């Protein structure tokens, strides 16, 4: 090769590429596309004929798509730009589909490669050169994903609302609980006599506007959940209504998952779970990689634990993470991992020091989204407070968190989800470190943000610790306050018991421990004894180690306060189990 004069090298590469192309069947072209295109691109300046240039542009498009599927995003961008270099000045007129595809694919590859300025400039070209929303929808999807990855959910919502209005779908500015109830009732009524499981066999959706609307709604659903949760039930109903009217498409799967979440929030647990399973069935039916991570995330994070052990949710979230990495769905890559780590923490399925190391391993990835980074920092600081010495054990103050600054920022951003995590962590720490009056206050403040965690396991954990905190202050409270404390515990217990009926493996031991504490403060010792024992047994059987430990500790304190000092084994077991908590 070194003996070939420089001026002849381009011709040599071009000739090799042409021979490879001529002697490779169409079936084999995909396998050898990189080899063929690499040779032809080296002779690109020698290609003059418009038809040949257009042919090579198409080959670069194919090579770029294959590189993008292999997550080789820099290489994909190179191929797409090489293809654009081959286009004529009037390519938008004479080779519209090819030109649009190159710009669309380049914009998506730039997004996946975190080259956001380049992405925006490519998107702008497509918007300027196309005339219909249908031709722009691909780049709008990319733009909406970029907004969410860059923590610009309000922009995502505003853009999505505008696009949906063009498609005849109106998202209201405000919604009341009766409005939501009516939307849900109307959607369920369209099922008529059909079973939820049977919806998997609906005909294929072929209405173009409906397909586009589904794509937009799927793209903005995460932003709605974070910044305008009152709209989430509305968009979930709209997604399902489109599928019921026009048939199923791959994007029907995340729509069914969203509706399942809404039904769970409305306490229709059985139907909500069935819609979640329908979503998973549809993903398998279509074999659509593009929606796998998104759909599995929704079911794992916000549905599965209402009927199955939390371990199944954690497994689904790991699946979502893996599929997201394979397809470049980076929003759900990050979302599934933070939910997985959070649920591992709440369920006590991993030693806290090991879990902290896992969180730290992903910290640089979470840094791409400030909301997820805040969430990660809150959990990290909570774990450190539980496992290391701290001058302020019940405060989120340390290397990972400065709670006053963080709280101020969260309130300014109206980030209800992270505020929910913040006050749950404060409530948990203040209770476990026996600062019970502060725990009650944290519960009072945290109650305002429970909507931010709608559908999450953490909401029931909040009720659990809130009730335990109120019962801890009950003996020293004024009689008038005691009545209010018991009233609030009763409200919490109604919600916990409802969940326990559907998923006793996750919630029954929590309900029983609170009941044991309630009977304790009321002096009903015999009832308390049975409930402590049952809470300990169920927590052990379902491998909630942290909550088994707490049940043992509270039972031991109950016996000691009663003067029954011949039950040391309970307390000894409690101390042993609590070692992972650092207490």
Protein backbone atom coordinates (compact mmCIF):
# COMPACT_ATOMS: atom_id res chain seq x y z
CA UNK A 1 0.00 0.00 0.00
CA UNK A 2 2.87 2.39 0.82
CA UNK A 3 4.20 1.95 -2.75
CA UNK A 4 1.00 3.32 -4.30
CA UNK A 5 1.37 7.05 -5.14
CA UNK A 6 -0.89 9.26 -2.98
CA UNK A 7 -2.80 10.56 -5.99
CA UNK A 8 -3.77 6.98 -6.91
CA UNK A 9 -4.84 5.80 -3.45
CA UNK A 10 -8.30 7.34 -3.64
CA UNK A 11 -8.88 5.66 -7.00
CA UNK A 12 -7.64 2.32 -5.60
CA UNK A 13 -10.00 2.49 -2.62
CA UNK A 14 -12.89 3.47 -4.85
CA UNK A 15 -12.19 0.56 -7.20
CA UNK A 16 -11.95 -1.90 -4.31
CA UNK A 17 -15.23 -0.60 -2.90
CA UNK A 18 -16.97 -0.86 -6.29
CA UNK A 19 -15.74 -4.43 -6.79
CA UNK A 20 -16.88 -5.39 -3.29
CA UNK A 21 -20.29 -3.88 -3.95
CA UNK A 22 -20.65 -5.57 -7.35
CA UNK A 23 -19.61 -8.99 -6.04
CA UNK A 24 -21.64 -8.94 -2.82
CA UNK A 25 -25.24 -10.07 -2.90
CA UNK A 26 -27.88 -7.88 -1.31
CA UNK A 27 -28.24 -10.41 1.50
CA UNK A 28 -24.50 -10.23 2.26
CA UNK A 29 -24.29 -6.46 1.94
CA UNK A 30 -25.52 -5.89 5.48
CA UNK A 31 -22.77 -8.13 6.88
CA UNK A 32 -20.03 -6.38 4.88
CA UNK A 33 -21.53 -2.87 4.90
CA UNK A 34 -18.73 -1.29 6.96
CA UNK A 35 -16.03 -2.78 4.72
CA UNK A 36 -17.76 -1.67 1.52
CA UNK A 37 -18.63 1.85 2.67
CA UNK A 38 -15.20 2.45 4.20
CA UNK A 39 -13.52 1.78 0.84
CA UNK A 40 -16.01 3.83 -1.17
CA UNK A 41 -15.83 6.80 1.24
CA UNK A 42 -12.08 7.00 0.78
CA UNK A 43 -12.71 7.68 -2.89
CA UNK A 44 -15.67 9.96 -2.31
CA UNK A 45 -14.13 12.94 -4.12
CA UNK A 46 -13.89 10.90 -7.33
CA UNK A 47 -17.59 10.09 -7.42
CA UNK A 48 -19.26 12.62 -9.72
CA UNK A 49 -22.39 11.00 -11.14
CA UNK A 50 -25.50 12.03 -9.12
CA UNK A 51 -26.92 8.49 -9.15
CA UNK A 52 -23.66 7.04 -7.79
CA UNK A 53 -23.44 9.71 -5.10
CA UNK A 54 -27.02 9.04 -4.06
CA UNK A 55 -26.33 5.29 -3.96
CA UNK A 56 -23.34 5.84 -1.66
CA UNK A 57 -25.38 8.20 0.52
CA UNK A 58 -27.90 5.37 0.98
CA UNK A 59 -25.08 2.94 1.84
CA UNK A 60 -23.77 5.41 4.45
CA UNK A 61 -27.26 5.63 5.90
CA UNK A 62 -27.38 1.83 6.20
CA UNK A 63 -23.91 1.70 7.76
CA UNK A 64 -24.78 4.46 10.20
CA UNK A 65 -27.92 2.67 11.33
CA UNK A 66 -25.99 -0.53 11.91
CA UNK A 67 -23.31 1.34 13.89
CA UNK A 68 -26.01 3.07 15.96
CA UNK A 69 -27.64 -0.27 16.78
CA UNK A 70 -24.24 -1.46 17.99
CA UNK A 71 -24.02 1.68 20.22
CA UNK A 72 -21.03 2.92 18.18
CA UNK A 73 -22.49 6.41 18.11
CA UNK A 74 -19.39 8.34 16.99
CA UNK A 75 -18.97 5.99 14.03
CA UNK A 76 -22.68 6.31 13.24
CA UNK A 77 -22.41 10.12 13.17
CA UNK A 78 -19.43 9.84 10.80
CA UNK A 79 -21.41 7.67 8.37
CA UNK A 80 -24.47 9.93 8.47
CA UNK A 81 -22.39 13.04 7.82
CA UNK A 82 -20.58 11.28 4.98
CA UNK A 83 -23.98 10.55 3.50
CA UNK A 84 -25.04 14.19 3.86
CA UNK A 85 -21.80 15.28 2.16
CA UNK A 86 -22.86 13.32 -0.93
CA UNK A 87 -26.24 15.05 -1.22
CA UNK A 88 -26.92 17.73 -3.81
CA UNK A 89 -28.04 21.27 -2.96
CA UNK A 90 -31.61 20.41 -3.94
CA UNK A 91 -31.64 16.99 -2.25
CA UNK A 92 -34.66 17.94 -0.13
CA UNK A 93 -36.56 18.21 -3.42
CA UNK A 94 -35.19 15.30 -5.45
CA UNK A 95 -34.25 12.79 -2.67
CA UNK A 96 -36.57 13.83 0.14
CA UNK A 97 -36.85 10.52 2.03
CA UNK A 98 -33.12 9.80 1.92
CA UNK A 99 -32.22 13.33 2.99
CA UNK A 100 -34.72 13.39 5.84
CA UNK A 101 -33.58 9.98 7.05
CA UNK A 102 -29.92 11.03 7.14
CA UNK A 103 -30.69 14.17 9.16
CA UNK A 104 -33.06 12.32 11.50
CA UNK A 105 -30.60 9.54 12.17
CA UNK A 106 -27.72 11.97 12.63
CA UNK A 107 -29.76 13.97 15.14
CA UNK A 108 -30.57 10.84 17.16
CA UNK A 109 -26.97 9.63 17.08
CA UNK A 110 -25.78 13.06 18.25
CA UNK A 111 -28.26 12.89 21.13
CA UNK A 112 -27.10 9.39 22.08
CA UNK A 113 -23.50 10.64 21.98
CA UNK A 114 -24.35 13.62 24.24
CA UNK A 115 -23.61 16.11 21.44
CA UNK A 116 -26.65 18.25 22.14
CA UNK A 117 -25.72 21.39 20.18
CA UNK A 118 -25.12 19.31 17.09
CA UNK A 119 -28.41 17.50 17.71
CA UNK A 120 -30.34 20.79 17.95
CA UNK A 121 -28.91 22.15 14.71
CA UNK A 122 -29.83 18.97 12.84
CA UNK A 123 -33.34 18.98 14.30
CA UNK A 124 -33.80 22.58 13.24
CA UNK A 125 -32.89 21.72 9.64
CA UNK A 126 -35.53 18.97 9.57
CA UNK A 127 -38.17 21.27 11.04
CA UNK A 128 -37.40 23.97 8.48
CA UNK A 129 -37.29 21.63 5.47
CA UNK A 130 -40.37 19.50 6.20
CA UNK A 131 -43.98 20.58 5.91
CA UNK A 132 -46.00 18.08 7.97
CA UNK A 133 -45.96 17.02 11.60
CA UNK A 134 -45.77 13.38 10.51
CA UNK A 135 -42.42 14.07 8.83
CA UNK A 136 -41.09 15.87 11.92
CA UNK A 137 -42.25 13.45 14.58
CA UNK A 138 -38.98 11.50 14.66
CA UNK A 139 -36.84 14.53 15.50
CA UNK A 140 -39.43 15.78 17.97
CA UNK A 141 -39.15 12.44 19.77
CA UNK A 142 -35.39 12.90 19.96
CA UNK A 143 -35.83 16.45 21.23
CA UNK A 144 -38.29 15.35 23.91
CA UNK A 145 -35.92 12.62 25.11
CA UNK A 146 -33.07 15.12 25.24
CA UNK A 147 -35.12 17.56 27.33
CA UNK A 148 -35.76 14.84 29.90
CA UNK A 149 -32.20 13.57 30.04
CA UNK A 150 -31.04 17.18 30.52
CA UNK A 151 -33.57 17.76 33.31
CA UNK A 152 -35.74 20.09 31.21
CA UNK A 153 -39.06 18.38 31.86
CA UNK A 154 -41.08 21.59 31.65
CA UNK A 155 -39.82 22.15 28.08
CA UNK A 156 -40.70 18.56 27.23
CA UNK A 157 -44.22 19.02 28.55
CA UNK A 158 -44.76 22.33 26.73
CA UNK A 159 -43.51 20.91 23.42
CA UNK A 160 -45.52 17.70 23.81
CA UNK A 161 -48.70 19.59 24.67
CA UNK A 162 -48.34 21.72 21.54
CA UNK A 163 -47.72 18.70 19.29
CA UNK A 164 -50.65 16.74 20.70
CA UNK A 165 -52.96 19.72 20.16
CA UNK A 166 -52.08 19.55 16.45
CA UNK A 167 -53.19 15.89 16.53
CA UNK A 168 -56.49 16.66 18.22
CA UNK A 169 -55.47 15.54 21.73
CA UNK A 170 -55.95 18.30 24.31
CA UNK A 171 -54.23 18.14 27.68
CA UNK A 172 -56.17 20.31 30.17
CA UNK A 173 -54.37 23.00 32.17
CA UNK A 174 -55.94 21.81 35.42
CA UNK A 175 -57.66 18.63 36.57
CA UNK A 176 -59.78 17.84 39.62
CA UNK A 177 -60.07 14.39 41.29
CA UNK A 178 -63.64 14.01 39.94
CA UNK A 179 -62.31 14.77 36.45
CA UNK A 180 -59.73 11.99 36.81
CA UNK A 181 -62.33 9.56 38.09
CA UNK A 182 -64.56 10.32 35.12
CA UNK A 183 -61.71 9.83 32.63
CA UNK A 184 -60.95 6.43 34.17
CA UNK A 185 -64.61 5.36 34.24
CA UNK A 186 -65.06 6.40 30.60
CA UNK A 187 -61.97 4.46 29.52
CA UNK A 188 -63.00 1.32 31.40
CA UNK A 189 -66.50 1.54 29.94
CA UNK A 190 -65.10 1.23 26.42
CA UNK A 191 -63.82 -2.23 27.32
CA UNK A 192 -67.43 -3.42 27.28
CA UNK A 193 -67.42 -7.21 27.76
CA UNK A 194 -63.80 -7.70 26.70
CA UNK A 195 -61.31 -9.04 29.24
CA UNK A 196 -58.15 -7.06 29.92
CA UNK A 197 -55.98 -10.03 28.95
CA UNK A 198 -57.92 -10.38 25.71
CA UNK A 199 -56.83 -6.91 24.56
CA UNK A 200 -53.53 -8.44 23.49
CA UNK A 201 -55.40 -9.78 20.43
CA UNK A 202 -56.74 -6.44 19.19
CA UNK A 203 -56.05 -5.80 15.46
CA UNK A 204 -52.95 -3.89 14.41
CA UNK A 205 -53.17 -0.11 14.55
CA UNK A 206 -52.78 1.45 11.10
CA UNK A 207 -54.13 4.97 11.65
CA UNK A 208 -51.16 7.27 11.09
CA UNK A 209 -52.32 10.12 13.33
CA UNK A 210 -53.08 7.71 16.17
CA UNK A 211 -49.62 6.15 15.84
CA UNK A 212 -47.97 9.57 15.96
CA UNK A 213 -50.04 10.63 18.98
CA UNK A 214 -48.96 7.47 20.81
CA UNK A 215 -45.33 8.26 20.04
CA UNK A 216 -45.62 11.78 21.42
CA UNK A 217 -47.50 10.69 24.54
CA UNK A 218 -44.98 7.95 25.28
CA UNK A 219 -42.18 10.50 24.91
CA UNK A 220 -43.64 13.00 27.39
CA UNK A 221 -45.07 10.56 29.96
CA UNK A 222 -41.92 10.71 32.16
CA UNK A 223 -41.95 14.53 32.09
CA UNK A 224 -45.64 14.56 33.07
CA UNK A 225 -45.03 12.15 35.92
CA UNK A 226 -42.29 14.44 37.26
CA UNK A 227 -43.61 17.94 36.63
CA UNK A 228 -47.39 17.65 36.21
CA UNK A 229 -48.53 14.42 37.91
CA UNK A 230 -52.15 15.62 37.77
CA UNK A 231 -51.98 15.07 33.99
CA UNK A 232 -50.61 11.53 34.18
CA UNK A 233 -54.03 9.84 34.54
CA UNK A 234 -55.34 11.89 31.62
CA UNK A 235 -52.56 10.93 29.25
CA UNK A 236 -52.78 7.28 30.35
CA UNK A 237 -56.49 7.23 29.50
CA UNK A 238 -55.83 8.87 26.13
CA UNK A 239 -53.16 6.26 25.30
CA UNK A 240 -55.50 3.36 26.07
CA UNK A 241 -58.45 4.99 24.27
CA UNK A 242 -56.39 5.20 21.08
CA UNK A 243 -55.51 1.50 21.27
CA UNK A 244 -59.10 0.48 22.01
CA UNK A 245 -60.33 2.53 19.05
CA UNK A 246 -57.63 1.85 16.43
CA UNK A 247 -55.94 -1.37 17.58
CA UNK A 248 -52.58 -2.28 19.07
CA UNK A 249 -49.14 -0.99 18.15
CA UNK A 250 -45.81 -1.51 19.94
CA UNK A 251 -46.36 1.80 21.77
CA UNK A 252 -49.69 0.51 23.10
CA UNK A 253 -47.59 -1.46 25.62
CA UNK A 254 -46.30 1.53 27.63
CA UNK A 255 -49.80 3.04 27.35
CA UNK A 256 -51.34 -0.01 29.00
CA UNK A 257 -48.59 0.12 31.63
CA UNK A 258 -49.42 3.77 32.36
CA UNK A 259 -53.11 2.96 32.72
CA UNK A 260 -52.27 0.12 35.09
CA UNK A 261 -50.40 2.61 37.29
CA UNK A 262 -53.40 4.94 37.29
CA UNK A 263 -55.77 2.13 38.30
CA UNK A 264 -53.45 1.21 41.17
CA UNK A 265 -53.46 4.80 42.37
CA UNK A 266 -57.28 4.66 42.19
CA UNK A 267 -57.12 1.51 44.38
CA UNK A 268 -58.23 -0.79 41.57
CA UNK A 269 -55.31 -3.11 42.28
CA UNK A 270 -56.46 -6.24 40.42
CA UNK A 271 -57.29 -4.41 37.20
CA UNK A 272 -54.16 -2.29 37.50
CA UNK A 273 -52.00 -5.39 37.81
CA UNK A 274 -53.74 -7.01 34.83
CA UNK A 275 -53.00 -3.97 32.65
CA UNK A 276 -49.36 -4.15 33.72
CA UNK A 277 -49.19 -7.82 32.71
CA UNK A 278 -50.96 -6.97 29.44
CA UNK A 279 -48.21 -4.44 28.73
CA UNK A 280 -45.53 -7.10 29.26
CA UNK A 281 -47.40 -9.59 27.04
CA UNK A 282 -47.65 -7.01 24.26
CA UNK A 283 -43.93 -6.29 24.42
CA UNK A 284 -43.30 -10.02 23.91
CA UNK A 285 -45.90 -10.20 21.14
CA UNK A 286 -44.38 -7.37 19.07
CA UNK A 287 -40.71 -8.10 19.90
CA UNK A 288 -40.28 -4.32 19.73
CA UNK A 289 -36.93 -3.45 21.27
CA UNK A 290 -37.67 0.27 21.15
CA UNK A 291 -40.36 0.00 23.86
CA UNK A 292 -38.93 -2.83 25.99
CA UNK A 293 -36.97 -0.72 28.46
CA UNK A 294 -39.72 1.88 28.81
CA UNK A 295 -42.55 -0.61 29.35
CA UNK A 296 -40.71 -2.96 31.69
CA UNK A 297 -39.57 0.04 33.75
CA UNK A 298 -43.13 1.28 34.24
CA UNK A 299 -44.37 -2.13 35.37
CA UNK A 300 -41.36 -2.81 37.60
CA UNK A 301 -41.22 0.61 39.23
CA UNK A 302 -44.90 1.40 39.69
CA UNK A 303 -47.05 -1.72 39.45
CA UNK A 304 -45.52 -5.13 40.15
CA UNK A 305 -45.04 -4.78 43.92
CA UNK A 306 -48.80 -4.39 44.36
CA UNK A 307 -49.21 -8.14 43.70
CA UNK A 308 -45.73 -9.71 43.71
CA UNK A 309 -42.74 -9.69 46.04
CA UNK A 310 -40.54 -6.63 45.65
CA UNK A 311 -37.79 -8.92 44.33
CA UNK A 312 -39.75 -9.29 41.08
CA UNK A 313 -39.86 -5.50 40.72
CA UNK A 314 -36.10 -5.33 41.25
CA UNK A 315 -35.58 -8.02 38.59
CA UNK A 316 -37.78 -6.17 36.10
CA UNK A 317 -35.88 -2.94 36.73
CA UNK A 318 -32.62 -4.74 35.99
CA UNK A 319 -34.15 -6.05 32.74
CA UNK A 320 -35.22 -2.52 31.83
CA UNK A 321 -31.69 -1.27 32.47
CA UNK A 322 -30.19 -3.97 30.25
CA UNK A 323 -32.62 -3.42 27.37
CA UNK A 324 -32.11 0.34 27.63
CA UNK A 325 -28.35 -0.06 27.23
CA UNK A 326 -28.91 -2.25 24.16
CA UNK A 327 -31.24 0.23 22.45
CA UNK A 328 -29.79 3.55 23.63
CA UNK A 329 -32.84 4.45 25.74
CA UNK A 330 -30.69 6.39 28.17
CA UNK A 331 -33.52 8.00 30.11
CA UNK A 332 -34.85 4.60 31.16
CA UNK A 333 -31.32 3.25 31.66
CA UNK A 334 -30.87 5.84 34.41
CA UNK A 335 -34.45 5.73 35.73
CA UNK A 336 -34.50 1.94 36.04
CA UNK A 337 -31.18 1.90 37.89
CA UNK A 338 -32.09 4.59 40.44
CA UNK A 339 -35.41 2.83 41.12
CA UNK A 340 -33.66 -0.52 41.45
CA UNK A 341 -31.12 0.83 43.93
CA UNK A 342 -33.86 2.62 45.88
CA UNK A 343 -36.03 -0.50 46.09
CA UNK A 344 -33.05 -2.59 47.17
CA UNK A 345 -32.53 -0.05 49.96
CA UNK A 346 -36.19 -0.07 51.02
CA UNK A 347 -36.42 -3.86 51.00
CA UNK A 348 -33.11 -4.53 52.79
CA UNK A 349 -32.05 -7.15 50.25
CA UNK A 350 -28.43 -6.01 50.29
CA UNK A 351 -25.95 -5.01 52.99
CA UNK A 352 -26.01 -1.22 53.15
CA UNK A 353 -22.27 -0.75 52.69
CA UNK A 354 -22.38 -2.81 49.49
CA UNK A 355 -25.44 -0.92 48.29
CA UNK A 356 -23.70 2.39 48.92
CA UNK A 357 -20.78 1.25 46.77
CA UNK A 358 -23.24 0.32 44.00
CA UNK A 359 -24.85 3.77 44.16
CA UNK A 360 -21.46 5.46 44.01
CA UNK A 361 -20.54 3.38 40.96
CA UNK A 362 -23.43 4.96 39.05
CA UNK A 363 -23.01 8.48 40.42
CA UNK A 364 -21.28 9.85 37.32
CA UNK A 365 -24.17 8.58 35.17
CA UNK A 366 -26.79 10.10 37.46
CA UNK A 367 -24.92 13.41 37.20
CA UNK A 368 -26.36 13.75 33.68
CA UNK A 369 -29.78 14.37 35.28
CA UNK A 370 -29.89 16.67 38.31
CA UNK A 371 -33.13 15.16 39.61
CA UNK A 372 -31.68 11.65 39.64
CA UNK A 373 -28.43 12.92 41.13
CA UNK A 374 -30.35 14.59 43.98
CA UNK A 375 -32.23 11.37 44.58
CA UNK A 376 -28.98 9.38 44.57
CA UNK A 377 -27.35 11.81 47.00
CA UNK A 378 -30.28 11.62 49.42
CA UNK A 379 -30.17 7.82 49.55
CA UNK A 380 -26.36 7.81 49.82
CA UNK A 381 -26.40 10.24 52.74
CA UNK A 382 -29.17 8.27 54.45
CA UNK A 383 -27.12 5.06 54.20
CA UNK A 384 -24.02 6.83 55.52
CA UNK A 385 -25.99 8.13 58.50
CA UNK A 386 -27.10 4.55 59.22
CA UNK A 387 -23.68 2.96 58.84
CA UNK A 388 -21.19 5.64 59.95
CA UNK A 389 -20.88 7.98 62.91
CA UNK A 390 -22.48 11.37 62.38
CA UNK A 391 -22.90 14.41 64.60
CA UNK A 392 -26.31 14.87 62.94
CA UNK A 393 -27.58 11.30 62.39
CA UNK A 394 -31.18 12.31 61.72
CA UNK A 395 -30.27 15.10 59.29
CA UNK A 396 -29.20 14.90 55.67
CA UNK A 397 -25.94 16.69 56.31
CA UNK A 398 -22.63 15.35 55.09
CA UNK A 399 -20.45 14.72 52.07
CA UNK A 400 -23.41 13.91 49.81
CA UNK A 401 -26.07 16.30 51.11
CA UNK A 402 -26.60 19.69 52.64
CA UNK A 403 -30.27 19.47 53.41
CA UNK A 404 -31.14 23.17 53.70
CA UNK A 405 -29.66 24.01 50.30
CA UNK A 406 -31.17 20.91 48.71
CA UNK A 407 -34.62 21.51 50.19
CA UNK A 408 -34.60 25.11 48.97
CA UNK A 409 -33.73 24.00 45.43
CA UNK A 410 -36.35 21.24 45.41
CA UNK A 411 -39.08 23.59 46.59
CA UNK A 412 -38.12 26.16 43.97
CA UNK A 413 -38.24 23.50 41.24
CA UNK A 414 -41.50 22.02 42.64
CA UNK A 415 -39.90 18.59 42.33
CA UNK A 416 -42.53 16.55 44.18
CA UNK A 417 -40.90 13.18 43.52
CA UNK A 418 -37.55 14.12 45.04
CA UNK A 419 -39.31 16.00 47.87
CA UNK A 420 -41.13 12.74 48.64
CA UNK A 421 -37.79 10.89 48.80
CA UNK A 422 -36.27 13.71 50.88
CA UNK A 423 -38.94 13.69 53.59
CA UNK A 424 -39.21 9.90 53.63
CA UNK A 425 -35.47 9.74 54.34
CA UNK A 426 -35.77 12.43 57.03
CA UNK A 427 -38.72 10.58 58.59
CA UNK A 428 -36.89 7.25 58.58
CA UNK A 429 -33.69 8.66 60.09
CA UNK A 430 -35.42 10.65 62.81
CA UNK A 431 -37.48 7.62 63.81
CA UNK A 432 -34.62 5.12 63.80
CA UNK A 433 -32.44 7.50 65.83
CA UNK A 434 -35.37 8.03 68.21
CA UNK A 435 -35.92 11.72 67.64
CA UNK A 436 -39.64 11.02 67.59
CA UNK A 437 -41.12 14.56 67.73
CA UNK A 438 -38.97 15.55 64.75
CA UNK A 439 -40.04 12.34 62.98
CA UNK A 440 -43.70 13.36 63.38
CA UNK A 441 -42.92 16.80 61.97
CA UNK A 442 -41.11 15.23 59.02
CA UNK A 443 -44.17 13.07 58.47
CA UNK A 444 -46.42 16.12 58.48
CA UNK A 445 -44.26 17.84 55.89
CA UNK A 446 -43.74 14.73 53.78
CA UNK A 447 -47.47 14.06 53.50
CA UNK A 448 -47.74 17.06 51.16
CA UNK A 449 -45.57 15.32 48.57
CA UNK A 450 -46.97 11.78 48.52
CA UNK A 451 -48.46 12.43 45.08
CA UNK A 452 -44.91 12.72 43.79
CA UNK A 453 -44.35 9.07 44.68
CA UNK A 454 -47.73 7.80 43.47
CA UNK A 455 -47.51 4.10 42.66
CA UNK A 456 -44.14 3.63 44.34
CA UNK A 457 -43.29 1.21 47.15
CA UNK A 458 -41.98 4.19 49.13
CA UNK A 459 -45.48 5.57 49.75
CA UNK A 460 -46.46 2.58 51.86
CA UNK A 461 -43.08 2.72 53.61
CA UNK A 462 -43.92 6.35 54.45
CA UNK A 463 -47.23 5.32 56.05
CA UNK A 464 -45.37 2.67 58.05
CA UNK A 465 -42.74 4.98 59.55
CA UNK A 466 -45.21 7.83 59.98
CA UNK A 467 -47.48 5.62 62.10
CA UNK A 468 -44.57 4.22 64.14
CA UNK A 469 -43.37 7.77 64.84
CA UNK A 470 -46.80 8.96 66.02
CA UNK A 471 -47.19 5.93 68.28
CA UNK A 472 -43.72 6.56 69.72
CA UNK A 473 -44.74 10.06 70.91
CA UNK A 474 -48.22 8.96 72.03
CA UNK A 475 -47.33 8.15 75.70
CA UNK A 476 -45.97 11.65 76.37
CA UNK A 477 -48.56 13.58 74.34
CA UNK A 478 -51.48 15.56 75.75
CA UNK A 479 -54.85 13.69 75.69
CA UNK A 480 -56.18 15.92 72.91
CA UNK A 481 -53.05 15.23 70.86
CA UNK A 482 -53.29 11.50 71.53
CA UNK A 483 -56.69 11.38 69.90
CA UNK A 484 -55.32 13.07 66.77
CA UNK A 485 -52.30 10.78 66.70
CA UNK A 486 -54.47 7.66 66.79
CA UNK A 487 -56.77 9.10 64.14
CA UNK A 488 -53.85 9.61 61.77
CA UNK A 489 -52.45 6.15 62.51
CA UNK A 490 -55.89 4.73 61.71
CA UNK A 491 -55.92 6.48 58.33
CA UNK A 492 -52.46 5.17 57.53
CA UNK A 493 -53.41 1.65 58.59
CA UNK A 494 -56.43 1.61 56.29
CA UNK A 495 -54.09 2.26 53.36
CA UNK A 496 -51.52 -0.27 54.54
CA UNK A 497 -54.16 -2.94 55.12
CA UNK A 498 -55.58 -2.39 51.65
CA UNK A 499 -52.14 -2.98 50.13
CA UNK A 500 -51.53 -5.95 52.43
CA UNK A 501 -54.61 -7.72 51.09
CA UNK A 502 -53.19 -7.68 47.56
CA UNK A 503 -49.50 -8.17 48.40
CA UNK A 504 -49.17 -9.59 51.92
CA UNK A 505 -45.56 -10.58 51.22
CA UNK A 506 -44.63 -6.87 51.02
CA UNK A 507 -47.01 -5.17 53.43
CA UNK A 508 -48.64 -7.49 56.00
CA UNK A 509 -45.69 -7.47 58.42
CA UNK A 510 -45.62 -3.67 58.28
CA UNK A 511 -49.31 -3.47 59.10
CA UNK A 512 -48.91 -5.99 61.95
CA UNK A 513 -46.00 -4.14 63.56
CA UNK A 514 -47.92 -0.86 63.58
CA UNK A 515 -50.92 -2.68 65.06
CA UNK A 516 -48.68 -4.19 67.75
CA UNK A 517 -47.42 -0.72 68.66
CA UNK A 518 -50.96 0.64 68.69
CA UNK A 519 -52.07 -2.07 71.11
CA UNK A 520 -48.95 -1.40 73.21
CA UNK A 521 -49.73 2.29 73.75
CA UNK A 522 -53.34 1.40 74.55
CA UNK A 523 -52.19 -1.11 77.18
CA UNK A 524 -53.61 -4.10 75.28
CA UNK A 525 -50.66 -6.39 75.95
CA UNK A 526 -52.06 -9.75 74.86
CA UNK A 527 -53.03 -8.45 71.44
CA UNK A 528 -49.65 -6.72 71.13
CA UNK A 529 -47.73 -9.94 71.88
CA UNK A 530 -49.45 -11.85 69.07
CA UNK A 531 -48.92 -9.04 66.56
CA UNK A 532 -45.22 -8.56 67.41
CA UNK A 533 -44.66 -12.29 66.90
CA UNK A 534 -46.55 -12.28 63.62
CA UNK A 535 -44.70 -9.20 62.32
CA UNK A 536 -41.35 -10.82 63.14
CA UNK A 537 -42.32 -14.13 61.51
CA UNK A 538 -43.72 -12.60 58.31
CA UNK A 539 -40.79 -10.21 57.89
CA UNK A 540 -38.40 -13.16 58.27
CA UNK A 541 -40.34 -15.40 55.87
CA UNK A 542 -40.42 -12.67 53.22
CA UNK A 543 -36.78 -11.67 53.79
CA UNK A 544 -37.37 -8.12 54.94
CA UNK A 545 -34.34 -8.27 57.20
CA UNK A 546 -34.35 -4.62 58.29
CA UNK A 547 -38.01 -4.78 59.26
CA UNK A 548 -37.56 -8.10 61.03
CA UNK A 549 -34.82 -6.40 63.03
CA UNK A 550 -37.01 -3.43 63.88
CA UNK A 551 -39.88 -5.71 64.91
CA UNK A 552 -37.54 -7.62 67.23
CA UNK A 553 -36.25 -4.40 68.77
CA UNK A 554 -39.71 -2.98 69.42
CA UNK A 555 -40.91 -6.28 70.85
CA UNK A 556 -37.90 -6.39 73.16
CA UNK A 557 -38.59 -2.85 74.37
CA UNK A 558 -42.22 -3.79 74.93
CA UNK A 559 -41.22 -6.69 77.21
CA UNK A 560 -38.60 -4.64 79.05
CA UNK A 561 -41.08 -1.83 79.70
CA UNK A 562 -43.53 -4.44 80.94
CA UNK A 563 -40.88 -5.75 83.32
CA UNK A 564 -40.54 -9.10 81.55
CA UNK A 565 -36.76 -9.32 81.67
CA UNK A 566 -36.72 -13.06 80.94
CA UNK A 567 -36.99 -12.52 77.19
CA UNK A 568 -33.36 -11.56 76.37
CA UNK A 569 -33.24 -13.68 73.23
CA UNK A 570 -35.51 -11.22 71.40
CA UNK A 571 -33.30 -8.28 72.16
CA UNK A 572 -30.12 -10.20 71.33
CA UNK A 573 -31.54 -11.16 67.95
CA UNK A 574 -32.54 -7.56 67.38
CA UNK A 575 -29.04 -6.26 67.99
CA UNK A 576 -27.56 -8.91 65.70
CA UNK A 577 -29.96 -8.10 62.88
CA UNK A 578 -29.55 -4.37 63.27
CA UNK A 579 -25.80 -4.46 62.63
CA UNK A 580 -26.32 -3.89 58.88
CA UNK A 581 -28.16 -0.67 59.82
CA UNK A 582 -25.20 0.60 61.78
CA UNK A 583 -27.28 1.06 64.92
